[in-house]
Amino acid sequence: MAKWLIIIGLVLVVLGLLLHYVPWTLNWFGKLPGDIHKELENGGLYIPITSMIIISILITVILNLFKH
């Protein structure tokens, strides 16, 4: 369990550094075809369906590589 917490922490640190120093590397997130963005009178609705599917596939592939 401790090993997984360390790995998750390192991944979060790397993502945080990417967002802080090179934010254009993640500009694609939320702007793919299939991501829903609807402006309403008193707010908005944002559902990144396609982006989350891609993230899910990447996480699944990475976890399967570590598992075997």
Protein backbone atom coordinates (compact mmCIF):
# COMPACT_ATOMS: atom_id res chain seq x y z
CA MET A 1 0.00 0.00 0.00
CA ALA A 2 2.80 2.43 0.85
CA LYS A 3 4.45 1.80 -2.53
CA TRP A 4 1.25 2.80 -4.37
CA LEU A 5 0.83 5.93 -2.28
CA ILE A 6 4.39 6.98 -3.11
CA ILE A 7 3.83 6.36 -6.83
CA ILE A 8 0.54 8.29 -6.83
CA GLY A 9 2.22 11.14 -4.95
CA LEU A 10 5.06 11.30 -7.47
CA VAL A 11 2.61 11.32 -10.37
CA LEU A 12 0.69 14.18 -8.77
CA VAL A 13 3.92 16.14 -8.22
CA VAL A 14 4.92 15.67 -11.87
CA LEU A 15 1.46 16.77 -13.07
CA GLY A 16 1.61 19.81 -10.79
CA LEU A 17 5.03 20.78 -12.15
CA LEU A 18 3.79 20.35 -15.72
CA LEU A 19 0.79 22.57 -15.06
CA HIS A 20 2.94 25.21 -13.39
CA TYR A 21 5.95 25.41 -15.73
CA VAL A 22 4.66 24.15 -19.11
CA PRO A 23 0.87 24.53 -19.09
CA TRP A 24 0.56 24.25 -22.88
CA THR A 25 1.39 20.51 -22.69
CA LEU A 26 -2.10 19.85 -21.31
CA ASN A 27 -4.04 22.35 -23.46
CA TRP A 28 -5.81 19.53 -25.27
CA PHE A 29 -7.61 18.37 -22.15
CA GLY A 30 -11.27 19.31 -22.34
CA LYS A 31 -11.15 20.55 -25.92
CA LEU A 32 -11.58 17.25 -27.75
CA PRO A 33 -14.59 16.34 -29.88
CA GLY A 34 -17.13 14.75 -27.56
CA ASP A 35 -16.39 16.99 -24.59
CA ILE A 36 -19.58 18.81 -23.61
CA HIS A 37 -19.45 22.52 -22.80
CA LYS A 38 -22.74 24.36 -22.44
CA GLU A 39 -23.10 28.00 -21.34
CA LEU A 40 -26.23 28.76 -19.33
CA GLU A 41 -27.67 32.04 -18.02
CA ASN A 42 -26.36 31.62 -14.49
CA GLY A 43 -23.32 29.38 -15.04
CA GLY A 44 -22.19 26.62 -17.26
CA LEU A 45 -22.07 22.88 -17.73
CA TYR A 46 -18.80 21.17 -18.55
CA ILE A 47 -18.46 17.38 -19.00
CA PRO A 48 -15.12 16.19 -20.51
CA ILE A 49 -16.35 12.76 -21.67
CA THR A 50 -13.75 12.09 -24.40
CA SER A 51 -10.86 13.44 -22.35
CA MET A 52 -11.77 11.21 -19.40
CA ILE A 53 -12.03 8.14 -21.64
CA ILE A 54 -8.51 8.80 -22.95
CA ILE A 55 -7.17 9.33 -19.40
CA SER A 56 -8.87 6.10 -18.28
CA ILE A 57 -7.31 4.12 -21.14
CA LEU A 58 -3.85 5.53 -20.37
CA ILE A 59 -4.15 4.71 -16.66
CA THR A 60 -5.35 1.18 -17.47
CA VAL A 61 -2.42 0.56 -19.82
CA ILE A 62 0.10 1.91 -17.30
CA LEU A 63 -1.32 -0.15 -14.44
CA ASN A 64 -1.33 -3.30 -16.58
CA LEU A 65 2.33 -2.73 -17.46
CA PHE A 66 3.23 -2.53 -13.75
CA LYS A 67 1.01 -5.49 -12.87
CA HIS A 68 2.74 -7.94 -15.22
